Amino acid sequence: MELPFAEYIYFEQMFQPQEIEHLLKQWSSEDTQDAVMSSGSDNDEGQLRKSTVQFLDNNDLNRWVYDKLAMVVQQGNMQSYGFDLAGFKEKLQLTQYAEGDHFQWHMDFGANEISHRKLSITVQLSKPDAYEGGDLLFRANDKEIPAPRTQGTVVVFPSFVQHRVTPITKGLRRSIVGWAAGHPYR
């Protein structure tokens, strides 16, 4: 059976306000890492990515997050992709974009350690009016398609689909980012 391909699919309000509050309470400035990637230029225009991240361990405290996202990914994969998946090989990231932060056009898939990524997952933790800018956009040919900003929504997409987060002009955008893995494409 042929599945209808989509640049992305989404599941609205999969995370409830109390679950989001629990996740946001785990954010600790002591445990964050700057996530900055550069194109080799010495100025801000040369930055491919600027944000901060913190990793969520798959432990007793967070297992429910991994389980919930695994269920959503499985449903989305059956609905639109049909990829051979094996689960999460990398820790989930709590990601924060502050004013001026962004992520230029990129794919989550590539050579070496990221060659196993099949489906990318983003969970919108911030309320839509908590920030300006910070749109998650997908590239489909010559069109830019925005993802929904509804708090608690899970967006699932193939890791080879180009996407970006536009610069934040005001406020904070927080999300969970993760990747469902499988054997590298052949």
N, C-alpha and C. Protein backbone atom coordinates (compact mmCIF):
# COMPACT_ATOMS: atom_id res chain seq x y z
N MET A 1 0.83 -1.18 0.00
CA MET A 1 0.00 0.00 0.00
C MET A 1 0.88 1.25 0.00
N GLU A 2 0.59 2.16 -0.89
CA GLU A 2 1.34 3.40 -0.99
C GLU A 2 0.79 4.41 0.01
N LEU A 3 1.69 5.04 0.77
CA LEU A 3 1.27 6.01 1.78
C LEU A 3 1.34 7.42 1.20
N PRO A 4 0.44 8.30 1.62
CA PRO A 4 0.48 9.69 1.14
C PRO A 4 1.61 10.45 1.83
N PHE A 5 2.64 10.83 1.08
CA PHE A 5 3.77 11.54 1.65
C PHE A 5 3.36 12.95 2.04
N ALA A 6 3.88 13.43 3.17
CA ALA A 6 3.66 14.80 3.61
C ALA A 6 4.98 15.35 4.13
N GLU A 7 5.26 16.63 3.84
CA GLU A 7 6.48 17.25 4.35
C GLU A 7 6.51 17.16 5.87
N TYR A 8 5.32 17.29 6.49
CA TYR A 8 5.21 17.10 7.92
C TYR A 8 3.76 16.74 8.25
N ILE A 9 3.59 16.13 9.40
CA ILE A 9 2.26 15.89 9.95
C ILE A 9 2.29 16.38 11.39
N TYR A 10 1.13 16.64 11.95
CA TYR A 10 1.11 17.13 13.32
C TYR A 10 -0.08 16.58 14.09
N PHE A 11 0.11 16.56 15.39
CA PHE A 11 -0.89 16.07 16.33
C PHE A 11 -1.07 17.16 17.37
N GLU A 12 -2.20 17.84 17.32
CA GLU A 12 -2.42 18.99 18.20
C GLU A 12 -2.65 18.58 19.65
N GLN A 13 -2.10 19.40 20.53
CA GLN A 13 -2.29 19.31 21.97
C GLN A 13 -2.08 17.90 22.54
N MET A 14 -1.03 17.24 22.06
CA MET A 14 -0.68 15.92 22.59
C MET A 14 -0.11 16.02 24.00
N PHE A 15 0.45 17.18 24.33
CA PHE A 15 0.96 17.42 25.67
C PHE A 15 0.05 18.44 26.33
N GLN A 16 -0.41 18.12 27.51
CA GLN A 16 -1.33 18.96 28.27
C GLN A 16 -0.54 20.01 29.07
N PRO A 17 -1.21 21.11 29.47
CA PRO A 17 -0.50 22.19 30.19
C PRO A 17 0.29 21.72 31.41
N GLN A 18 -0.26 20.80 32.20
CA GLN A 18 0.47 20.33 33.39
C GLN A 18 1.70 19.52 32.99
N GLU A 19 1.65 18.79 31.88
CA GLU A 19 2.83 18.05 31.40
C GLU A 19 3.90 19.03 30.91
N ILE A 20 3.47 20.06 30.22
CA ILE A 20 4.40 21.07 29.71
C ILE A 20 5.06 21.80 30.88
N GLU A 21 4.27 22.14 31.89
CA GLU A 21 4.81 22.79 33.08
C GLU A 21 5.87 21.91 33.74
N HIS A 22 5.60 20.60 33.85
CA HIS A 22 6.56 19.66 34.41
C HIS A 22 7.87 19.68 33.61
N LEU A 23 7.75 19.68 32.29
CA LEU A 23 8.94 19.68 31.44
C LEU A 23 9.73 20.99 31.56
N LEU A 24 9.02 22.11 31.57
CA LEU A 24 9.70 23.41 31.66
C LEU A 24 10.39 23.60 33.00
N LYS A 25 9.89 22.98 34.05
CA LYS A 25 10.53 23.07 35.36
C LYS A 25 11.88 22.36 35.37
N GLN A 26 12.09 21.47 34.41
CA GLN A 26 13.38 20.76 34.34
C GLN A 26 14.47 21.63 33.72
N TRP A 27 14.06 22.73 33.06
CA TRP A 27 15.06 23.60 32.43
C TRP A 27 15.93 24.20 33.52
N SER A 28 17.22 24.00 33.39
CA SER A 28 18.19 24.51 34.36
C SER A 28 19.33 25.16 33.60
N SER A 29 19.57 26.43 33.88
CA SER A 29 20.65 27.12 33.17
C SER A 29 22.00 26.47 33.44
N GLU A 30 22.12 25.73 34.54
CA GLU A 30 23.38 25.05 34.86
C GLU A 30 23.64 23.87 33.92
N ASP A 31 22.56 23.27 33.39
CA ASP A 31 22.71 22.08 32.55
C ASP A 31 22.61 22.37 31.06
N THR A 32 22.50 23.63 30.68
CA THR A 32 22.33 23.95 29.27
C THR A 32 23.67 24.02 28.55
N GLN A 33 23.57 23.84 27.25
CA GLN A 33 24.72 23.97 26.37
C GLN A 33 24.35 24.92 25.25
N ASP A 34 25.30 25.77 24.86
CA ASP A 34 25.06 26.60 23.69
C ASP A 34 25.09 25.70 22.47
N ALA A 35 24.10 25.88 21.61
CA ALA A 35 24.05 25.13 20.35
C ALA A 35 24.29 26.14 19.24
N VAL A 36 25.55 26.31 18.90
CA VAL A 36 25.93 27.29 17.89
C VAL A 36 26.69 26.56 16.79
N MET A 37 26.24 26.76 15.56
CA MET A 37 26.94 26.20 14.41
C MET A 37 27.25 27.36 13.48
N SER A 38 28.44 27.36 12.94
CA SER A 38 28.87 28.47 12.10
C SER A 38 29.19 27.98 10.70
N SER A 39 29.02 28.89 9.75
CA SER A 39 29.38 28.57 8.36
C SER A 39 30.83 28.95 8.09
N GLY A 40 31.55 29.38 9.12
CA GLY A 40 32.95 29.74 8.95
C GLY A 40 33.16 31.25 8.99
N SER A 41 32.09 32.02 8.91
CA SER A 41 32.20 33.48 8.98
C SER A 41 32.34 33.91 10.44
N ASP A 42 32.99 35.03 10.66
CA ASP A 42 33.20 35.51 12.02
C ASP A 42 32.05 36.37 12.55
N ASN A 43 31.01 36.60 11.75
CA ASN A 43 29.93 37.46 12.22
C ASN A 43 28.65 36.66 12.39
N ASP A 44 27.63 37.30 12.99
CA ASP A 44 26.37 36.61 13.27
C ASP A 44 25.67 36.12 12.00
N GLU A 45 25.88 36.83 10.87
CA GLU A 45 25.25 36.39 9.63
C GLU A 45 25.76 35.03 9.18
N GLY A 46 26.95 34.64 9.65
CA GLY A 46 27.53 33.36 9.29
C GLY A 46 27.08 32.21 10.17
N GLN A 47 26.25 32.50 11.18
CA GLN A 47 25.79 31.45 12.07
C GLN A 47 24.65 30.67 11.44
N LEU A 48 24.81 29.35 11.40
CA LEU A 48 23.73 28.48 10.92
C LEU A 48 22.70 28.24 12.01
N ARG A 49 23.19 28.18 13.26
CA ARG A 49 22.31 27.91 14.39
C ARG A 49 22.79 28.66 15.62
N LYS A 50 21.81 29.18 16.36
CA LYS A 50 22.11 29.79 17.66
C LYS A 50 20.91 29.52 18.56
N SER A 51 21.13 28.73 19.60
CA SER A 51 20.10 28.40 20.58
C SER A 51 20.81 27.79 21.79
N THR A 52 20.03 27.37 22.77
CA THR A 52 20.59 26.61 23.88
C THR A 52 19.79 25.32 24.01
N VAL A 53 20.46 24.27 24.46
CA VAL A 53 19.80 22.97 24.61
C VAL A 53 20.17 22.34 25.95
N GLN A 54 19.30 21.46 26.37
CA GLN A 54 19.51 20.63 27.55
C GLN A 54 18.95 19.26 27.21
N PHE A 55 19.62 18.20 27.59
CA PHE A 55 19.19 16.86 27.21
C PHE A 55 18.30 16.23 28.28
N LEU A 56 17.29 15.50 27.83
CA LEU A 56 16.38 14.78 28.73
C LEU A 56 16.78 13.31 28.75
N ASP A 57 17.20 12.84 29.90
CA ASP A 57 17.53 11.42 30.03
C ASP A 57 16.26 10.58 29.96
N ASN A 58 16.39 9.38 29.43
CA ASN A 58 15.28 8.43 29.40
C ASN A 58 15.33 7.66 30.73
N ASN A 59 14.88 8.33 31.80
CA ASN A 59 14.92 7.75 33.14
C ASN A 59 13.50 7.74 33.72
N ASP A 60 13.38 7.38 34.99
CA ASP A 60 12.06 7.30 35.62
C ASP A 60 11.30 8.62 35.53
N LEU A 61 12.00 9.73 35.63
CA LEU A 61 11.37 11.04 35.58
C LEU A 61 10.80 11.37 34.20
N ASN A 62 11.47 10.92 33.14
CA ASN A 62 11.09 11.32 31.78
C ASN A 62 10.64 10.19 30.88
N ARG A 63 10.58 8.98 31.37
CA ARG A 63 10.21 7.85 30.50
C ARG A 63 8.86 8.08 29.83
N TRP A 64 7.93 8.71 30.53
CA TRP A 64 6.60 8.97 29.96
C TRP A 64 6.68 9.83 28.71
N VAL A 65 7.67 10.76 28.66
CA VAL A 65 7.84 11.61 27.48
C VAL A 65 8.28 10.77 26.29
N TYR A 66 9.28 9.91 26.52
CA TYR A 66 9.76 9.03 25.47
C TYR A 66 8.65 8.10 25.00
N ASP A 67 7.88 7.54 25.94
CA ASP A 67 6.79 6.63 25.58
C ASP A 67 5.71 7.34 24.76
N LYS A 68 5.34 8.54 25.19
CA LYS A 68 4.31 9.30 24.47
C LYS A 68 4.77 9.64 23.06
N LEU A 69 6.01 10.10 22.94
CA LEU A 69 6.52 10.45 21.60
C LEU A 69 6.70 9.21 20.73
N ALA A 70 7.08 8.09 21.32
CA ALA A 70 7.19 6.85 20.54
C ALA A 70 5.84 6.46 19.96
N MET A 71 4.78 6.62 20.75
CA MET A 71 3.43 6.30 20.29
C MET A 71 3.02 7.23 19.14
N VAL A 72 3.30 8.53 19.29
CA VAL A 72 2.94 9.50 18.25
C VAL A 72 3.73 9.22 16.97
N VAL A 73 5.02 8.95 17.12
CA VAL A 73 5.87 8.66 15.95
C VAL A 73 5.38 7.41 15.24
N GLN A 74 5.05 6.38 16.00
CA GLN A 74 4.55 5.15 15.38
C GLN A 74 3.27 5.41 14.60
N GLN A 75 2.37 6.17 15.18
CA GLN A 75 1.12 6.50 14.49
C GLN A 75 1.39 7.31 13.23
N GLY A 76 2.22 8.33 13.33
CA GLY A 76 2.55 9.14 12.16
C GLY A 76 3.27 8.37 11.08
N ASN A 77 4.17 7.50 11.50
CA ASN A 77 4.91 6.69 10.54
C ASN A 77 3.97 5.76 9.77
N MET A 78 3.04 5.15 10.48
CA MET A 78 2.07 4.26 9.82
C MET A 78 1.14 5.05 8.90
N GLN A 79 0.82 6.26 9.27
CA GLN A 79 -0.10 7.10 8.51
C GLN A 79 0.51 7.65 7.22
N SER A 80 1.82 8.04 7.27
CA SER A 80 2.36 8.79 6.13
C SER A 80 3.71 8.36 5.60
N TYR A 81 4.47 7.52 6.31
CA TYR A 81 5.84 7.30 5.85
C TYR A 81 6.21 5.84 5.65
N GLY A 82 5.93 4.98 6.60
CA GLY A 82 6.27 3.57 6.46
C GLY A 82 7.75 3.27 6.57
N PHE A 83 8.49 4.07 7.31
CA PHE A 83 9.92 3.84 7.50
C PHE A 83 10.15 2.68 8.47
N ASP A 84 11.31 2.04 8.34
CA ASP A 84 11.75 0.99 9.25
C ASP A 84 12.41 1.67 10.45
N LEU A 85 11.69 1.73 11.57
CA LEU A 85 12.17 2.45 12.75
C LEU A 85 12.59 1.49 13.86
N ALA A 86 13.57 1.94 14.67
CA ALA A 86 14.07 1.13 15.78
C ALA A 86 13.96 1.86 17.12
N GLY A 87 13.46 3.09 17.14
CA GLY A 87 13.31 3.83 18.40
C GLY A 87 14.23 5.03 18.45
N PHE A 88 14.45 5.54 19.66
CA PHE A 88 15.29 6.71 19.87
C PHE A 88 16.71 6.25 20.19
N LYS A 89 17.69 6.71 19.39
CA LYS A 89 19.09 6.39 19.66
C LYS A 89 19.79 7.56 20.34
N GLU A 90 19.17 8.72 20.32
CA GLU A 90 19.75 9.92 20.92
C GLU A 90 18.78 10.44 21.98
N LYS A 91 19.32 11.17 22.95
CA LYS A 91 18.48 11.78 23.97
C LYS A 91 17.63 12.88 23.35
N LEU A 92 16.44 13.06 23.91
CA LEU A 92 15.60 14.19 23.53
C LEU A 92 16.26 15.47 24.01
N GLN A 93 16.02 16.56 23.28
CA GLN A 93 16.57 17.85 23.65
C GLN A 93 15.45 18.80 24.06
N LEU A 94 15.63 19.48 25.18
CA LEU A 94 14.85 20.68 25.46
C LEU A 94 15.62 21.79 24.76
N THR A 95 14.97 22.50 23.87
CA THR A 95 15.64 23.54 23.10
C THR A 95 15.00 24.88 23.39
N GLN A 96 15.83 25.89 23.54
CA GLN A 96 15.32 27.24 23.79
C GLN A 96 15.92 28.20 22.78
N TYR A 97 15.05 28.99 22.15
CA TYR A 97 15.46 30.07 21.27
C TYR A 97 15.08 31.39 21.95
N ALA A 98 16.08 32.24 22.20
CA ALA A 98 15.86 33.57 22.77
C ALA A 98 16.01 34.61 21.66
N GLU A 99 15.85 35.86 22.01
CA GLU A 99 15.92 36.93 21.01
C GLU A 99 17.21 36.83 20.20
N GLY A 100 17.08 36.83 18.88
CA GLY A 100 18.22 36.72 17.96
C GLY A 100 18.59 35.30 17.61
N ASP A 101 18.08 34.31 18.35
CA ASP A 101 18.40 32.91 18.07
C ASP A 101 17.62 32.43 16.84
N HIS A 102 18.18 31.43 16.18
CA HIS A 102 17.59 30.93 14.93
C HIS A 102 18.26 29.61 14.55
N PHE A 103 17.76 29.00 13.48
CA PHE A 103 18.41 27.84 12.86
C PHE A 103 18.11 27.95 11.37
N GLN A 104 19.15 28.18 10.57
CA GLN A 104 18.98 28.35 9.12
C GLN A 104 18.51 27.05 8.47
N TRP A 105 18.23 27.09 7.18
CA TRP A 105 17.78 25.91 6.44
C TRP A 105 18.77 24.76 6.64
N HIS A 106 18.23 23.59 6.97
CA HIS A 106 19.07 22.42 7.20
C HIS A 106 18.20 21.17 7.14
N MET A 107 18.87 20.04 7.17
CA MET A 107 18.22 18.73 7.32
C MET A 107 18.79 18.11 8.59
N ASP A 108 18.01 17.25 9.24
CA ASP A 108 18.48 16.57 10.44
C ASP A 108 19.22 15.28 10.10
N PHE A 109 19.26 14.93 8.86
CA PHE A 109 19.84 13.69 8.36
C PHE A 109 21.16 14.01 7.66
N GLY A 110 22.12 13.11 7.76
CA GLY A 110 23.39 13.30 7.08
C GLY A 110 24.29 12.10 7.27
N ALA A 111 25.56 12.30 7.11
CA ALA A 111 26.54 11.22 7.22
C ALA A 111 26.88 10.94 8.68
N ASN A 112 27.52 9.81 8.87
CA ASN A 112 28.10 9.39 10.16
C ASN A 112 27.05 9.26 11.26
N GLU A 113 27.24 9.99 12.38
CA GLU A 113 26.41 9.76 13.57
C GLU A 113 24.95 10.14 13.38
N ILE A 114 24.60 10.91 12.37
CA ILE A 114 23.19 11.26 12.16
C ILE A 114 22.57 10.52 10.97
N SER A 115 23.28 9.53 10.44
CA SER A 115 22.78 8.78 9.29
C SER A 115 21.61 7.86 9.64
N HIS A 116 21.40 7.60 10.92
CA HIS A 116 20.32 6.71 11.35
C HIS A 116 19.00 7.46 11.58
N ARG A 117 19.02 8.78 11.54
CA ARG A 117 17.80 9.56 11.78
C ARG A 117 16.82 9.37 10.62
N LYS A 118 15.58 8.99 10.96
CA LYS A 118 14.55 8.81 9.94
C LYS A 118 13.42 9.82 10.07
N LEU A 119 12.91 9.99 11.30
CA LEU A 119 11.84 10.95 11.53
C LEU A 119 12.28 11.93 12.62
N SER A 120 12.06 13.20 12.37
CA SER A 120 12.34 14.25 13.34
C SER A 120 11.04 14.61 14.05
N ILE A 121 11.17 15.00 15.31
CA ILE A 121 10.01 15.32 16.13
C ILE A 121 10.27 16.65 16.81
N THR A 122 9.26 17.52 16.81
CA THR A 122 9.31 18.77 17.55
C THR A 122 8.02 18.90 18.35
N VAL A 123 8.15 19.21 19.63
CA VAL A 123 7.00 19.44 20.50
C VAL A 123 7.00 20.90 20.89
N GLN A 124 5.93 21.60 20.59
CA GLN A 124 5.80 23.02 20.92
C GLN A 124 5.45 23.17 22.40
N LEU A 125 6.38 23.70 23.20
CA LEU A 125 6.16 23.88 24.62
C LEU A 125 5.68 25.29 24.97
N SER A 126 6.08 26.26 24.18
CA SER A 126 5.69 27.64 24.45
C SER A 126 4.30 27.92 23.93
N LYS A 127 3.64 28.88 24.58
CA LYS A 127 2.36 29.37 24.05
C LYS A 127 2.67 30.19 22.80
N PRO A 128 1.77 30.19 21.81
CA PRO A 128 2.05 30.89 20.56
C PRO A 128 2.34 32.38 20.73
N ASP A 129 1.76 33.02 21.73
CA ASP A 129 1.97 34.46 21.92
C ASP A 129 3.13 34.77 22.87
N ALA A 130 3.90 33.75 23.27
CA ALA A 130 5.03 33.95 24.18
C ALA A 130 6.28 34.46 23.45
N TYR A 131 6.23 34.48 22.12
CA TYR A 131 7.38 34.92 21.35
C TYR A 131 6.93 35.43 19.99
N GLU A 132 7.80 36.19 19.36
CA GLU A 132 7.57 36.65 17.99
C GLU A 132 8.73 36.14 17.15
N GLY A 133 8.46 35.88 15.87
CA GLY A 133 9.44 35.21 15.03
C GLY A 133 9.43 33.74 15.43
N GLY A 134 10.55 33.07 15.23
CA GLY A 134 10.68 31.69 15.70
C GLY A 134 9.77 30.70 15.01
N ASP A 135 9.38 30.98 13.77
CA ASP A 135 8.51 30.06 13.05
C ASP A 135 9.30 28.85 12.56
N LEU A 136 8.74 27.67 12.76
CA LEU A 136 9.29 26.45 12.17
C LEU A 136 8.71 26.35 10.77
N LEU A 137 9.59 26.43 9.78
CA LEU A 137 9.18 26.41 8.37
C LEU A 137 9.77 25.20 7.67
N PHE A 138 9.00 24.65 6.73
CA PHE A 138 9.46 23.55 5.89
C PHE A 138 9.56 24.04 4.46
N ARG A 139 10.55 23.52 3.74
CA ARG A 139 10.73 23.88 2.34
C ARG A 139 10.18 22.76 1.48
N ALA A 140 9.21 23.11 0.64
CA ALA A 140 8.65 22.18 -0.34
C ALA A 140 8.76 22.84 -1.70
N ASN A 141 9.76 22.41 -2.47
CA ASN A 141 10.08 23.06 -3.74
C ASN A 141 10.35 24.53 -3.48
N ASP A 142 9.56 25.44 -4.04
CA ASP A 142 9.82 26.87 -3.83
C ASP A 142 8.90 27.49 -2.78
N LYS A 143 8.22 26.66 -2.01
CA LYS A 143 7.30 27.17 -0.99
C LYS A 143 7.86 26.95 0.41
N GLU A 144 7.53 27.88 1.30
CA GLU A 144 7.85 27.75 2.71
C GLU A 144 6.54 27.51 3.44
N ILE A 145 6.46 26.39 4.15
CA ILE A 145 5.22 25.98 4.81
C ILE A 145 5.42 26.07 6.32
N PRO A 146 4.62 26.89 7.02
CA PRO A 146 4.78 27.00 8.48
C PRO A 146 4.11 25.85 9.22
N ALA A 147 4.77 25.41 10.29
CA ALA A 147 4.18 24.40 11.18
C ALA A 147 3.27 25.11 12.17
N PRO A 148 2.30 24.41 12.73
CA PRO A 148 1.43 25.03 13.74
C PRO A 148 2.21 25.40 14.99
N ARG A 149 1.75 26.43 15.69
CA ARG A 149 2.40 26.92 16.91
C ARG A 149 1.59 26.61 18.16
N THR A 150 0.55 25.84 18.05
CA THR A 150 -0.30 25.54 19.19
C THR A 150 0.50 24.81 20.28
N GLN A 151 0.40 25.30 21.50
CA GLN A 151 1.13 24.69 22.61
C GLN A 151 0.71 23.23 22.77
N GLY A 152 1.71 22.35 22.94
CA GLY A 152 1.45 20.93 23.13
C GLY A 152 1.38 20.13 21.85
N THR A 153 1.51 20.78 20.70
CA THR A 153 1.43 20.09 19.41
C THR A 153 2.75 19.40 19.09
N VAL A 154 2.64 18.18 18.57
CA VAL A 154 3.80 17.41 18.13
C VAL A 154 3.84 17.43 16.61
N VAL A 155 4.97 17.84 16.05
CA VAL A 155 5.18 17.86 14.60
C VAL A 155 6.17 16.74 14.28
N VAL A 156 5.83 15.91 13.29
CA VAL A 156 6.68 14.79 12.87
C VAL A 156 6.97 14.97 11.38
N PHE A 157 8.23 14.78 10.99
CA PHE A 157 8.60 14.93 9.59
C PHE A 157 9.85 14.11 9.27
N PRO A 158 9.99 13.70 8.00
CA PRO A 158 11.20 12.97 7.62
C PRO A 158 12.44 13.84 7.86
N SER A 159 13.48 13.24 8.39
CA SER A 159 14.68 13.99 8.75
C SER A 159 15.40 14.56 7.53
N PHE A 160 15.05 14.11 6.33
CA PHE A 160 15.68 14.65 5.13
C PHE A 160 14.92 15.86 4.55
N VAL A 161 13.83 16.27 5.17
CA VAL A 161 13.08 17.44 4.71
C VAL A 161 13.76 18.70 5.25
N GLN A 162 14.03 19.66 4.36
CA GLN A 162 14.66 20.91 4.78
C GLN A 162 13.68 21.72 5.63
N HIS A 163 14.23 22.32 6.70
CA HIS A 163 13.43 23.13 7.59
C HIS A 163 14.32 24.15 8.28
N ARG A 164 13.68 25.12 8.92
CA ARG A 164 14.43 26.14 9.66
C ARG A 164 13.55 26.73 10.74
N VAL A 165 14.19 27.44 11.67
CA VAL A 165 13.49 28.24 12.67
C VAL A 165 13.94 29.68 12.42
N THR A 166 12.96 30.55 12.11
CA THR A 166 13.28 31.94 11.82
C THR A 166 13.75 32.65 13.09
N PRO A 167 14.50 33.73 12.95
CA PRO A 167 15.02 34.43 14.14
C PRO A 167 13.91 34.88 15.09
N ILE A 168 14.18 34.72 16.37
CA ILE A 168 13.28 35.22 17.41
C ILE A 168 13.48 36.73 17.52
N THR A 169 12.40 37.48 17.47
CA THR A 169 12.50 38.93 17.61
C THR A 169 12.05 39.40 18.99
N LYS A 170 11.32 38.53 19.71
CA LYS A 170 10.85 38.89 21.06
C LYS A 170 10.43 37.62 21.78
N GLY A 171 10.77 37.51 23.08
CA GLY A 171 10.31 36.39 23.89
C GLY A 171 11.19 35.16 23.80
N LEU A 172 10.64 34.02 24.23
CA LEU A 172 11.34 32.74 24.24
C LEU A 172 10.49 31.67 23.56
N ARG A 173 11.12 30.87 22.71
CA ARG A 173 10.46 29.71 22.11
C ARG A 173 11.12 28.47 22.69
N ARG A 174 10.33 27.62 23.32
CA ARG A 174 10.87 26.38 23.89
C ARG A 174 10.17 25.19 23.25
N SER A 175 10.95 24.15 23.04
CA SER A 175 10.42 22.95 22.40
C SER A 175 11.22 21.74 22.84
N ILE A 176 10.67 20.58 22.53
CA ILE A 176 11.43 19.33 22.63
C ILE A 176 11.75 18.94 21.20
N VAL A 177 12.97 18.49 20.98
CA VAL A 177 13.40 18.03 19.67
C VAL A 177 13.96 16.62 19.83
N GLY A 178 13.62 15.73 18.89
CA GLY A 178 14.13 14.38 18.94
C GLY A 178 14.09 13.73 17.57
N TRP A 179 14.67 12.52 17.51
CA TRP A 179 14.75 11.81 16.24
C TRP A 179 14.49 10.32 16.45
N ALA A 180 13.55 9.80 15.68
CA ALA A 180 13.33 8.36 15.65
C ALA A 180 14.32 7.78 14.64
N ALA A 181 15.00 6.74 15.05
CA ALA A 181 16.09 6.19 14.26
C ALA A 181 15.72 4.85 13.63
N GLY A 182 16.51 4.48 12.67
CA GLY A 182 16.41 3.19 12.01
C GLY A 182 17.70 2.91 11.28
N HIS A 183 17.78 1.79 10.58
CA HIS A 183 18.98 1.50 9.78
C HIS A 183 19.13 2.57 8.72
N PRO A 184 20.38 2.94 8.40
CA PRO A 184 20.58 3.95 7.36
C PRO A 184 19.89 3.56 6.05
N TYR A 185 19.47 4.58 5.32
CA TYR A 185 18.83 4.34 4.02
C TYR A 185 19.78 3.59 3.10
N ARG A 186 19.21 2.73 2.23
CA ARG A 186 20.04 2.01 1.26
C ARG A 186 19.54 2.33 -0.13
